[in-house]
Structures are given as structure tokens and as C-alpha cells.
Amino acid sequence: MTQITLIGAGSVEFTRILLADLAEFPELQDCAIVLHDIDDERLTTAEQIARHITEATGARFRIRAHLDRRAALDGADFVVNEIQVGGLPATLHDFEIPKKYGLRQTIGDTIGIGGIFRGLRTIPVLVAIADDMADVCPDAMLMNYANPMAMLPWSVWEGSRFKNVVGLCHSVQNTHEQLAQIVGAPVDEIEFLTAGVNHQAFVLRFELDGEDLYSRLDEAIARDPDGLGRTVRVELYRQFGYFPTESSEHSAEYVPWFMSHRDELDRYRIPVDEYIRRSLENLDEYEETRRRLAAGEDIEVEGEGELAPRYIHSLLTGTPRLEYGNVRNEGLIYDLPAGCCVEVPCRVDGDGIHPTAVGKLPPQCAALNRTFLNVAELTMRAALEGRRDHVYQAAMLDPNTAATLTIGEIRAMVDDLIEAHGELLPKGIRETRPARRAQTARP
């Protein structure tokens, strides 16, 4: 029997969607579903949801729940990771402390100072999960949904004894659907080629029956200057020539040109602190779900076409699919660092995951990606090596942080964040004494 283990199953909304999607495949309805979370209450809620979906869909899932992680991983064939280390309290630190220094953020989970500290909290946990997998389910596949995506699989490859990991994100899929809607063409008939890094990939080919649809996109933007025309991702398209795959609220904090300018926030309608609002809404939804379950009321059972069930179905049945994945850059994109995590189309079938070699990106897109990856790599190495100096350096090289704060302010803010997060961070980072000036290792 195939075993699918969900790590961080207490993220109950995502667990609900994932199980509803799995239940839509008859070949997957006999799977064992093993749930793990470190929060007993949330794990209980996730188990109730899983049993409700099993009954409502007629699936024959065998449901188990474990607070012990290794027990949950033991014997797994697929492991889906959806953890958020530190939860809302840590996220509030990521936003409120930088705000005192005048640094604005929107989502704070990818790069930016919020992405750096989410990475520092998450990398050690994910590496430990991967090492557990090397012991108790060495032939399994780790499917990572957690952010910061560009950092996490890279950290597993560099820092653990387990290597079979792919990162899954719906941003490419959503972008393709949005572009199809804008130009008025069926998404399934459009030929797309998209590549780069997660949350900053670019649509390199956008064609229908040999017609370049970018001209239609230009016409749609010209017809709607106060709608489409006033979005960050359209501005990035104007400047770089290729449409980016992440939403405007995300993209605004990956570059230096928007968040530090009050007039640009208004011009592009950038929602500062958006992730805090979403997190509070998620808490309300969680409490409403608990209430409905306790009252014996129905909860929504509807899939959303998530990637993990499609990957699992293809790998188990041999049904070929072309999906997007975050995989190790082994000759896939020549002008991005070897070994980093890149997002490219992948053929998925019974023989595994086969990434597409894209070759070179347009030079301006590769340049923007390399700026993004500078922050990702330094954060990864800070976490794996316990290097506080790399945390300072990642923050100094982060585009939005560097555009807003001085070096002294950046270092002071980093120190405040390290103190606030405490034991959620690697020991070497939190116990290294702050220096008055940058200390770098000599070759």
C-alpha cells in the first residue's frame, strides 16, 4: 500500500485541499495517509478533516496521525512538507521588528528580511526531516511546499544525507491561467515555456498556433492603464521584457524600486503587511473549521488541482504529465549557479521526474535571478554553517532591505530579530557575539 505522509498537517486548509485532490484519483484512493504535526490540537483537527473527506468522497484512505515525526515518516513513499516553523508569533517578529526600522514588507516568506528569517528557522528542521527520511524511508520522495522555496530544497541537497526532493508551487500554473484569461485564449491550447527561480521565473514562450501572444498582452495592458497597467508584475514585464510568475504583492519586495517609496506604493497599489492580514484570516478559518467539525456540520470537500497529487499519480501509474517543479540545477539553466534550485518544466511519469534543460535565460532575467539567489545562498549557508556574518550579508544584499536601510541599521535589525527568534534559529547564529564591523572568513 502506498503511504503518503503529510508533515505540518496542522495547516488544515492545505491538508483539506490536498486530500480532496488525492481523492479525485481512483488509483490513489487506497493510500495510507499519515499525518504529522507538533501541535496536538491542530493534528487532531487535521485527522478529523481527513476522516471527513474519506467518508464524503468514498475514498478508502487509511488514516493515521502521529506527533512523533520519525513514526510518521517510517515506510513513507511520498512525504509532503507544509511546515511553518514558529507559526504566527515568529511571522509577527519578521514584520514588526523591521517596521521599527522603517522597512516595509508585503508577504515576507521568500527573500526580503522576512524570507531570510523564515529560511533560518525552517532550514534546520527540513534538513532534520530529510535525515530522518534517509534512515526510515530512504526510497521516498520529499515534496516541499514550504517557503522560502529557492532556499529549502537547495539546503536539503547541501546539508542532508537525503537528496530526492522536489519543490512544488502553483505560481507558474496560476500565471499561465491568468495570461490566458487576459489574452482570451484557452490555456490548454497555449504553448508556454517558463523558467527561472521560484517566485521569479519568466514566461519565455507564450504562443498560440505560432502567434506570439505577447502582442495581445500589450494590447490588453494598453486598454487598461489604471488596472493591469498599475501592477508591479506588469511594470517588471515592461522593464525586463518577459512576464514574471509571481503576484505583484510578492514581486514588489524582491526588487529595490517599490517598497521604500511612498508614492510607488500608491501608484502600484502595493498592500504593505498583506501576509499578516492573511494569517489572521487563516486563524479565523481554522477556528470556524473546528467549530463545524465539533458541531457535526459539513466542511467543503473540493480539490484545487494541487501539484503533489498529480505528481504522485503519474509516478505511480505511469501517466505522463508535463508539470513545473523546483529541482537541482544540473545543466538546466546555464547562466544560474550550478546546484541551486531552479524552476523548470518537468516530464513526470513512471520512471521519475525528468527536468527540461532550458539553456540560457535572457541576460536581464538571469541577472535578476542571480540577485535573488545571492540572498538565498547566503541564508542557506548561514543556517547550515551557523554563520551570523552570513545573515548580515544576506540582509545587506537583499534588494528591498538595501534600498531602505543603512549598513548599521541592517545589522542592528538583524541582531534584534536573532534575539527575538531565539532557539528557533541555529545555535551558531544566536550564540555568535555581534561584532561592531563585518567579520569575514579569510581564504
Protein backbone atom coordinates (compact mmCIF):
# COMPACT_ATOMS: atom_id res chain seq x y z
CA MET A 1 0.00 0.00 0.00
CA THR A 2 1.32 3.43 -0.96
CA GLN A 3 1.94 5.68 2.05
CA ILE A 4 1.71 9.46 1.78
CA THR A 5 2.92 11.35 4.84
CA LEU A 6 1.94 14.97 5.41
CA ILE A 7 4.41 16.89 7.58
CA GLY A 8 2.84 20.03 9.03
CA ALA A 9 -0.64 18.61 8.55
CA GLY A 10 -1.92 21.12 11.09
CA SER A 11 -2.03 23.60 8.21
CA VAL A 12 -5.53 22.27 7.92
CA GLU A 13 -6.76 24.28 4.92
CA PHE A 14 -3.92 22.99 2.77
CA THR A 15 -4.39 19.47 4.14
CA ARG A 16 -8.08 19.62 3.22
CA ILE A 17 -7.32 20.69 -0.35
CA LEU A 18 -4.56 18.13 -0.80
CA LEU A 19 -6.69 15.23 0.39
CA ALA A 20 -9.64 16.34 -1.74
CA ASP A 21 -7.33 16.37 -4.78
CA LEU A 22 -5.93 12.93 -3.93
CA ALA A 23 -9.45 11.54 -3.60
CA GLU A 24 -10.24 12.55 -7.18
CA PHE A 25 -7.86 9.85 -8.50
CA PRO A 26 -9.38 6.34 -8.19
CA GLU A 27 -5.88 4.82 -8.25
CA LEU A 28 -4.92 6.78 -5.12
CA GLN A 29 -8.00 6.08 -3.02
CA ASP A 30 -6.44 3.09 -1.25
CA CYS A 31 -3.41 5.01 0.01
CA ALA A 32 -2.36 5.20 3.63
CA ILE A 33 -2.44 8.86 4.70
CA VAL A 34 -0.19 9.60 7.67
CA LEU A 35 -0.49 12.99 9.34
CA HIS A 36 2.16 14.67 11.49
CA ASP A 37 2.25 17.96 13.35
CA ILE A 38 3.93 19.14 16.55
CA ASP A 39 0.68 20.82 17.70
CA ASP A 40 -1.61 18.19 19.26
CA GLU A 41 -4.79 20.24 18.77
CA ARG A 42 -4.08 21.01 15.13
CA LEU A 43 -3.11 17.40 14.46
CA THR A 44 -6.42 16.25 15.92
CA THR A 45 -8.26 18.73 13.70
CA ALA A 46 -6.33 17.53 10.65
CA GLU A 47 -7.24 13.93 11.44
CA GLN A 48 -10.92 14.86 11.76
CA ILE A 49 -10.76 16.59 8.38
CA ALA A 50 -9.04 13.59 6.80
CA ARG A 51 -11.70 11.21 8.07
CA HIS A 52 -14.48 13.57 6.96
CA ILE A 53 -13.02 13.75 3.42
CA THR A 54 -12.57 9.99 3.31
CA GLU A 55 -16.21 9.46 4.17
CA ALA A 56 -17.55 12.28 1.97
CA THR A 57 -15.66 11.18 -1.16
CA GLY A 58 -15.94 7.43 -0.72
CA ALA A 59 -12.16 7.13 -0.76
CA ARG A 60 -10.63 4.26 1.17
CA PHE A 61 -7.79 6.21 2.77
CA ARG A 62 -6.21 4.55 5.80
CA ILE A 63 -5.73 7.49 8.15
CA ARG A 64 -3.12 7.61 10.91
CA ALA A 65 -1.83 10.55 12.93
CA HIS A 66 1.49 10.81 14.79
CA LEU A 67 3.02 13.51 16.97
CA ASP A 68 6.30 11.61 16.57
CA ARG A 69 7.88 12.60 13.28
CA ARG A 70 10.01 9.52 12.65
CA ALA A 71 7.00 7.29 13.28
CA ALA A 72 5.05 9.30 10.71
CA LEU A 73 7.86 9.04 8.17
CA ASP A 74 8.54 5.34 8.68
CA GLY A 75 7.68 3.44 5.50
CA ALA A 76 6.57 6.51 3.53
CA ASP A 77 6.64 6.52 -0.26
CA PHE A 78 5.87 10.24 -0.57
CA VAL A 79 6.36 12.95 2.02
CA VAL A 80 4.62 16.30 1.54
CA ASN A 81 6.14 19.11 3.60
CA GLU A 82 3.98 22.09 4.53
CA ILE A 83 5.56 23.32 7.78
CA GLN A 84 5.70 26.90 9.03
CA VAL A 85 8.28 26.97 11.80
CA GLY A 86 7.35 29.35 14.59
CA GLY A 87 3.84 30.00 13.29
CA LEU A 88 2.19 33.39 13.63
CA PRO A 89 4.32 34.64 16.57
CA ALA A 90 7.51 34.25 14.52
CA THR A 91 5.88 35.86 11.50
CA LEU A 92 4.87 38.84 13.61
CA HIS A 93 8.51 39.27 14.67
CA ASP A 94 9.52 39.17 10.99
CA PHE A 95 7.20 42.08 10.26
CA GLU A 96 7.07 44.17 13.41
CA ILE A 97 10.81 44.43 14.13
CA PRO A 98 11.77 45.55 10.59
CA LYS A 99 8.86 48.00 10.66
CA LYS A 100 10.51 49.79 13.61
CA TYR A 101 13.47 50.44 11.33
CA GLY A 102 11.26 51.72 8.51
CA LEU A 103 11.48 48.55 6.40
CA ARG A 104 8.20 47.62 4.69
CA GLN A 105 7.20 44.12 3.54
CA THR A 106 4.17 42.55 1.92
CA ILE A 107 4.46 38.74 2.29
CA GLY A 108 7.89 38.19 3.81
CA ASP A 109 8.30 34.48 3.07
CA THR A 110 10.67 34.22 0.09
CA ILE A 111 13.54 36.70 0.21
CA GLY A 112 13.49 40.05 1.98
CA ILE A 113 14.28 40.11 5.68
CA GLY A 114 11.17 38.03 6.40
CA GLY A 115 12.22 35.39 3.89
CA ILE A 116 15.72 35.30 5.34
CA PHE A 117 14.49 34.63 8.86
CA ARG A 118 11.83 32.17 7.74
CA GLY A 119 14.62 30.36 5.95
CA LEU A 120 16.87 30.39 9.03
CA ARG A 121 14.06 28.88 11.10
CA THR A 122 12.97 26.31 8.51
CA ILE A 123 16.23 25.02 7.01
CA PRO A 124 17.42 23.14 10.14
CA VAL A 125 14.02 21.50 10.58
CA LEU A 126 13.73 20.44 6.94
CA VAL A 127 17.29 19.10 6.92
CA ALA A 128 16.43 17.06 10.04
CA ILE A 129 13.31 15.74 8.30
CA ALA A 130 15.43 14.75 5.30
CA ASP A 131 17.95 12.97 7.52
CA ASP A 132 15.09 11.09 9.20
CA MET A 133 13.91 10.06 5.74
CA ALA A 134 17.39 8.77 4.91
CA ASP A 135 17.01 6.47 7.92
CA VAL A 136 13.39 5.28 7.78
CA CYS A 137 12.19 5.79 4.18
CA PRO A 138 15.31 6.18 2.01
CA ASP A 139 13.47 5.45 -1.25
CA ALA A 140 10.72 8.02 -0.67
CA MET A 141 10.27 11.35 -2.44
CA LEU A 142 10.13 14.59 -0.46
CA MET A 143 7.72 17.10 -1.98
CA ASN A 144 8.28 20.52 -0.48
CA TYR A 145 5.60 23.20 -0.49
CA ALA A 146 7.06 25.39 2.26
CA ASN A 147 8.68 28.74 1.57
CA PRO A 148 11.28 30.04 1.02
CA MET A 149 11.28 27.57 -1.84
CA ALA A 150 14.52 28.60 -3.53
CA MET A 151 16.38 28.00 -0.26
CA LEU A 152 14.80 24.83 1.09
CA PRO A 153 15.45 22.07 -1.49
CA TRP A 154 18.91 23.59 -2.03
CA SER A 155 19.55 23.22 1.71
CA VAL A 156 18.45 19.57 1.65
CA TRP A 157 20.84 18.81 -1.22
CA GLU A 158 23.70 20.61 0.51
CA GLY A 159 23.06 19.74 4.14
CA SER A 160 21.40 16.33 4.46
CA ARG A 161 22.02 12.68 3.63
CA PHE A 162 18.83 12.63 1.55
CA LYS A 163 18.66 14.06 -1.97
CA ASN A 164 15.33 13.03 -3.55
CA VAL A 165 13.41 16.29 -3.12
CA VAL A 166 11.31 18.38 -5.49
CA GLY A 167 9.72 21.73 -4.73
CA LEU A 168 6.10 22.31 -5.76
CA CYS A 169 4.39 25.67 -6.16
CA HIS A 170 1.29 26.79 -8.04
CA SER A 171 2.71 30.19 -9.13
CA VAL A 172 3.59 29.08 -12.69
CA GLN A 173 0.24 27.35 -13.16
CA ASN A 174 -1.65 30.40 -11.87
CA THR A 175 0.37 32.76 -14.08
CA HIS A 176 -0.34 30.72 -17.20
CA GLU A 177 -4.06 30.73 -16.36
CA GLN A 178 -4.04 34.48 -15.74
CA LEU A 179 -2.23 35.22 -19.01
CA ALA A 180 -4.63 33.01 -20.96
CA GLN A 181 -7.57 34.87 -19.45
CA ILE A 182 -6.07 38.28 -20.23
CA VAL A 183 -5.49 37.46 -23.91
CA GLY A 184 -8.74 35.49 -24.27
CA ALA A 185 -7.30 32.13 -25.32
CA PRO A 186 -7.78 28.60 -23.91
CA VAL A 187 -4.91 27.89 -21.53
CA ASP A 188 -4.62 24.29 -22.72
CA GLU A 189 -4.01 25.41 -26.30
CA ILE A 190 -1.25 27.91 -25.50
CA GLU A 191 2.38 26.85 -25.76
CA PHE A 192 4.25 28.07 -22.70
CA LEU A 193 7.89 27.80 -21.69
CA THR A 194 8.63 29.28 -18.29
CA ALA A 195 11.84 29.10 -16.28
CA GLY A 196 13.93 30.80 -13.61
CA VAL A 197 13.72 30.54 -9.84
CA ASN A 198 10.58 30.03 -7.78
CA HIS A 199 8.54 33.24 -7.42
CA GLN A 200 10.76 34.85 -10.06
CA ALA A 201 10.53 32.68 -13.15
CA PHE A 202 9.73 34.25 -16.52
CA VAL A 203 7.38 33.26 -19.32
CA LEU A 204 9.86 32.82 -22.16
CA ARG A 205 7.45 31.39 -24.76
CA PHE A 206 3.80 32.46 -24.95
CA GLU A 207 2.36 31.29 -28.28
CA LEU A 208 -0.84 30.05 -29.87
CA ASP A 209 -0.63 28.34 -33.28
CA GLY A 210 2.69 30.06 -33.93
CA GLU A 211 1.43 33.52 -32.89
CA ASP A 212 3.41 35.33 -30.20
CA LEU A 213 0.73 36.26 -27.68
CA TYR A 214 2.83 38.96 -26.05
CA SER A 215 1.44 41.40 -28.62
CA ARG A 216 -2.09 40.61 -27.38
CA LEU A 217 -0.90 41.11 -23.80
CA ASP A 218 0.49 44.53 -24.74
CA GLU A 219 -2.85 45.49 -26.25
CA ALA A 220 -4.72 44.37 -23.12
CA ILE A 221 -2.40 46.42 -20.89
CA ALA A 222 -2.85 49.48 -23.13
CA ARG A 223 -6.64 49.13 -22.83
CA ASP A 224 -6.46 49.00 -19.05
CA PRO A 225 -3.82 51.51 -17.89
CA ASP A 226 -5.38 52.02 -14.44
CA GLY A 227 -5.96 48.29 -13.85
CA LEU A 228 -3.36 45.97 -15.33
CA GLY A 229 -1.08 48.93 -16.02
CA ARG A 230 -0.77 49.78 -12.33
CA THR A 231 0.61 46.44 -11.13
CA VAL A 232 4.16 45.55 -10.17
CA ARG A 233 4.38 42.45 -12.30
CA VAL A 234 3.29 44.36 -15.42
CA GLU A 235 5.92 47.02 -14.65
CA LEU A 236 8.54 44.30 -14.32
CA TYR A 237 7.34 42.91 -17.66
CA ARG A 238 7.72 46.36 -19.22
CA GLN A 239 11.26 46.71 -17.92
CA PHE A 240 12.56 43.17 -18.45
CA GLY A 241 10.56 42.04 -21.48
CA TYR A 242 9.15 38.79 -20.04
CA PHE A 243 6.19 38.28 -17.72
CA PRO A 244 7.16 37.16 -14.18
CA THR A 245 5.41 34.31 -12.43
CA GLU A 246 4.71 35.82 -9.05
CA SER A 247 1.95 38.15 -7.97
CA SER A 248 2.55 41.86 -7.61
CA GLU A 249 2.39 41.84 -3.82
CA HIS A 250 5.15 39.21 -3.70
CA SER A 251 7.25 40.65 -6.51
CA ALA A 252 7.31 44.16 -5.05
CA GLU A 253 9.57 43.10 -2.17
CA TYR A 254 12.05 41.14 -4.31
CA VAL A 255 13.42 44.25 -6.03
CA PRO A 256 14.65 47.66 -4.79
CA TRP A 257 12.34 50.01 -6.65
CA PHE A 258 8.97 49.97 -4.91
CA MET A 259 8.69 49.35 -1.18
CA SER A 260 10.85 52.24 0.05
CA HIS A 261 8.91 54.86 -1.94
CA ARG A 262 5.55 56.01 -0.59
CA ASP A 263 4.38 57.28 -3.97
CA GLU A 264 5.23 53.95 -5.63
CA LEU A 265 3.19 52.08 -3.02
CA ASP A 266 0.20 54.19 -4.01
CA ARG A 267 0.90 54.07 -7.73
CA TYR A 268 1.11 50.28 -7.85
CA ARG A 269 -1.40 49.66 -5.03
CA ILE A 270 1.07 47.57 -3.04
CA PRO A 271 -0.51 46.03 0.11
CA VAL A 272 2.03 46.51 2.92
CA ASP A 273 1.74 43.85 5.69
CA GLU A 274 -0.53 41.72 3.50
CA TYR A 275 0.69 38.43 4.95
CA ILE A 276 -0.29 39.45 8.47
CA ARG A 277 -3.83 40.06 7.28
CA ARG A 278 -3.90 36.69 5.53
CA SER A 279 -2.52 34.93 8.59
CA LEU A 280 -5.22 36.39 10.83
CA GLU A 281 -7.87 35.36 8.31
CA ASN A 282 -6.41 31.83 8.30
CA LEU A 283 -6.74 31.68 12.07
CA ASP A 284 -10.39 32.67 11.78
CA GLU A 285 -10.94 29.98 9.13
CA TYR A 286 -9.24 27.41 11.33
CA GLU A 287 -11.48 28.22 14.28
CA GLU A 288 -14.56 28.07 12.03
CA THR A 289 -13.44 24.66 10.74
CA ARG A 290 -13.04 23.38 14.29
CA ARG A 291 -16.48 24.70 15.18
CA ARG A 292 -18.11 22.99 12.21
CA LEU A 293 -16.39 19.70 12.92
CA ALA A 294 -17.41 19.83 16.58
CA ALA A 295 -21.00 20.56 15.57
CA GLY A 296 -21.08 17.70 13.07
CA GLU A 297 -21.53 20.09 10.17
CA ASP A 298 -20.16 19.51 6.69
CA ILE A 299 -16.95 21.15 5.54
CA GLU A 300 -16.09 21.90 1.95
CA VAL A 301 -14.61 18.99 0.04
CA GLU A 302 -13.34 20.37 -3.22
CA GLY A 303 -9.96 19.97 -4.85
CA GLU A 304 -8.00 22.76 -6.44
CA GLY A 305 -5.69 20.86 -8.76
CA GLU A 306 -2.65 20.90 -6.49
CA LEU A 307 0.59 19.58 -7.94
CA ALA A 308 1.51 16.87 -5.43
CA PRO A 309 -1.45 14.58 -6.24
CA ARG A 310 -0.75 14.92 -9.97
CA TYR A 311 2.94 14.09 -9.45
CA ILE A 312 2.07 11.11 -7.26
CA HIS A 313 -0.50 9.83 -9.75
CA SER A 314 1.97 10.00 -12.65
CA LEU A 315 4.78 8.39 -10.67
CA LEU A 316 2.57 5.51 -9.53
CA THR A 317 0.53 4.88 -12.69
CA GLY A 318 2.99 5.94 -15.38
CA THR A 319 0.53 8.51 -16.74
CA PRO A 320 2.81 11.13 -18.36
CA ARG A 321 2.35 14.77 -17.45
CA LEU A 322 4.27 17.97 -18.05
CA GLU A 323 4.38 19.86 -14.77
CA TYR A 324 6.58 22.55 -13.25
CA GLY A 325 8.98 21.68 -10.46
CA ASN A 326 11.78 23.16 -8.40
CA VAL A 327 14.79 20.96 -8.99
CA ARG A 328 18.58 20.97 -8.76
CA ASN A 329 20.29 22.99 -11.48
CA GLU A 330 22.40 20.34 -13.14
CA GLY A 331 22.89 21.87 -16.58
CA LEU A 332 19.27 23.05 -16.79
CA ILE A 333 19.84 26.83 -16.82
CA TYR A 334 23.41 27.62 -17.83
CA ASP A 335 23.59 31.18 -16.54
CA LEU A 336 22.40 30.41 -13.00
CA PRO A 337 24.66 28.78 -10.37
CA ALA A 338 25.23 25.05 -10.65
CA GLY A 339 23.48 23.15 -7.89
CA CYS A 340 20.99 25.88 -6.98
CA CYS A 341 17.23 25.34 -7.01
CA VAL A 342 15.59 26.33 -10.31
CA GLU A 343 12.02 26.12 -11.57
CA VAL A 344 11.59 24.47 -14.96
CA PRO A 345 9.08 22.25 -16.78
CA CYS A 346 9.39 18.57 -15.85
CA ARG A 347 8.08 15.46 -17.54
CA VAL A 348 6.67 13.21 -14.82
CA ASP A 349 5.97 9.53 -15.49
CA GLY A 350 6.51 6.07 -14.06
CA ASP A 351 10.26 6.42 -14.44
CA GLY A 352 10.51 9.55 -12.33
CA ILE A 353 10.86 13.30 -12.76
CA HIS A 354 12.69 14.47 -15.87
CA PRO A 355 13.52 18.21 -15.82
CA THR A 356 13.76 20.14 -19.07
CA ALA A 357 17.11 21.72 -19.96
CA VAL A 358 16.21 25.31 -20.82
CA GLY A 359 19.68 26.58 -21.71
CA LYS A 360 20.33 30.27 -21.22
CA LEU A 361 17.81 32.75 -19.91
CA PRO A 362 17.61 36.22 -21.42
CA PRO A 363 20.54 38.00 -19.77
CA GLN A 364 18.41 40.55 -17.94
CA CYS A 365 16.25 37.78 -16.43
CA ALA A 366 19.29 35.77 -15.38
CA ALA A 367 20.77 38.89 -13.79
CA LEU A 368 17.63 39.46 -11.71
CA ASN A 369 17.56 35.78 -10.72
CA ARG A 370 21.20 35.89 -9.61
CA THR A 371 20.42 38.85 -7.34
CA PHE A 372 17.61 36.75 -5.83
CA LEU A 373 19.88 33.71 -5.46
CA ASN A 374 22.60 35.70 -3.71
CA VAL A 375 20.25 36.16 -0.76
CA ALA A 376 19.06 32.53 -0.94
CA GLU A 377 22.58 31.08 -0.91
CA LEU A 378 23.89 33.22 1.93
CA THR A 379 20.83 32.40 4.04
CA MET A 380 21.24 28.71 3.33
CA ARG A 381 24.91 28.78 4.28
CA ALA A 382 24.18 30.84 7.39
CA ALA A 383 21.74 28.16 8.54
CA LEU A 384 23.87 25.13 7.62
CA GLU A 385 27.13 26.56 8.98
CA GLY A 386 25.78 28.60 11.91
CA ARG A 387 27.28 31.79 10.44
CA ARG A 388 25.87 35.03 11.84
CA ASP A 389 28.07 37.04 9.45
CA HIS A 390 26.24 35.43 6.51
CA VAL A 391 22.93 36.59 7.98
CA TYR A 392 24.19 40.18 7.97
CA GLN A 393 25.48 39.73 4.42
CA ALA A 394 22.25 38.19 3.14
CA ALA A 395 20.32 41.15 4.55
CA MET A 396 22.79 43.67 3.10
CA LEU A 397 22.48 42.08 -0.34
CA ASP A 398 18.70 41.82 -0.19
CA PRO A 399 17.34 44.39 -2.70
CA ASN A 400 14.47 45.82 -0.64
CA THR A 401 16.45 45.91 2.61
CA ALA A 402 19.47 47.52 0.96
CA ALA A 403 17.30 50.15 -0.73
CA THR A 404 15.78 51.17 2.61
CA LEU A 405 18.35 50.88 5.41
CA THR A 406 21.98 51.73 6.14
CA ILE A 407 24.51 49.03 6.99
CA GLY A 408 24.32 49.97 10.67
CA GLU A 409 20.53 49.78 10.66
CA ILE A 410 20.60 46.42 8.89
CA ARG A 411 23.00 44.93 11.43
CA ALA A 412 21.02 46.26 14.38
CA MET A 413 17.76 44.94 12.92
CA VAL A 414 19.31 41.51 12.31
CA ASP A 415 20.55 41.41 15.90
CA ASP A 416 17.07 42.29 17.17
CA LEU A 417 15.49 39.56 15.04
CA ILE A 418 18.01 36.96 16.17
CA GLU A 419 17.30 37.80 19.80
CA ALA A 420 13.52 37.70 19.22
CA HIS A 421 13.55 34.31 17.46
CA GLY A 422 15.90 32.76 19.98
CA GLU A 423 16.03 28.97 19.93
CA LEU A 424 14.14 28.75 16.63
CA LEU A 425 17.45 29.71 14.99
CA PRO A 426 20.62 27.62 14.61
CA LYS A 427 22.82 27.69 17.71
CA GLY A 428 25.84 29.15 15.94
CA ILE A 429 23.84 32.14 14.72
CA ARG A 430 22.24 33.04 18.02
CA GLU A 431 25.34 32.45 20.14
CA THR A 432 27.81 34.32 17.96
CA ARG A 433 28.59 37.64 19.60
CA PRO A 434 27.60 40.61 17.38
CA ALA A 435 30.63 42.48 16.08
CA ARG A 436 30.93 46.21 15.55
CA ARG A 437 32.08 45.66 11.99
CA ALA A 438 31.69 42.86 9.49
CA GLN A 439 33.88 39.84 10.15
CA THR A 440 34.54 37.64 7.12
CA ALA A 441 36.48 34.42 6.97
CA ARG A 442 39.85 34.69 5.27
CA PRO A 443 40.64 32.28 2.46
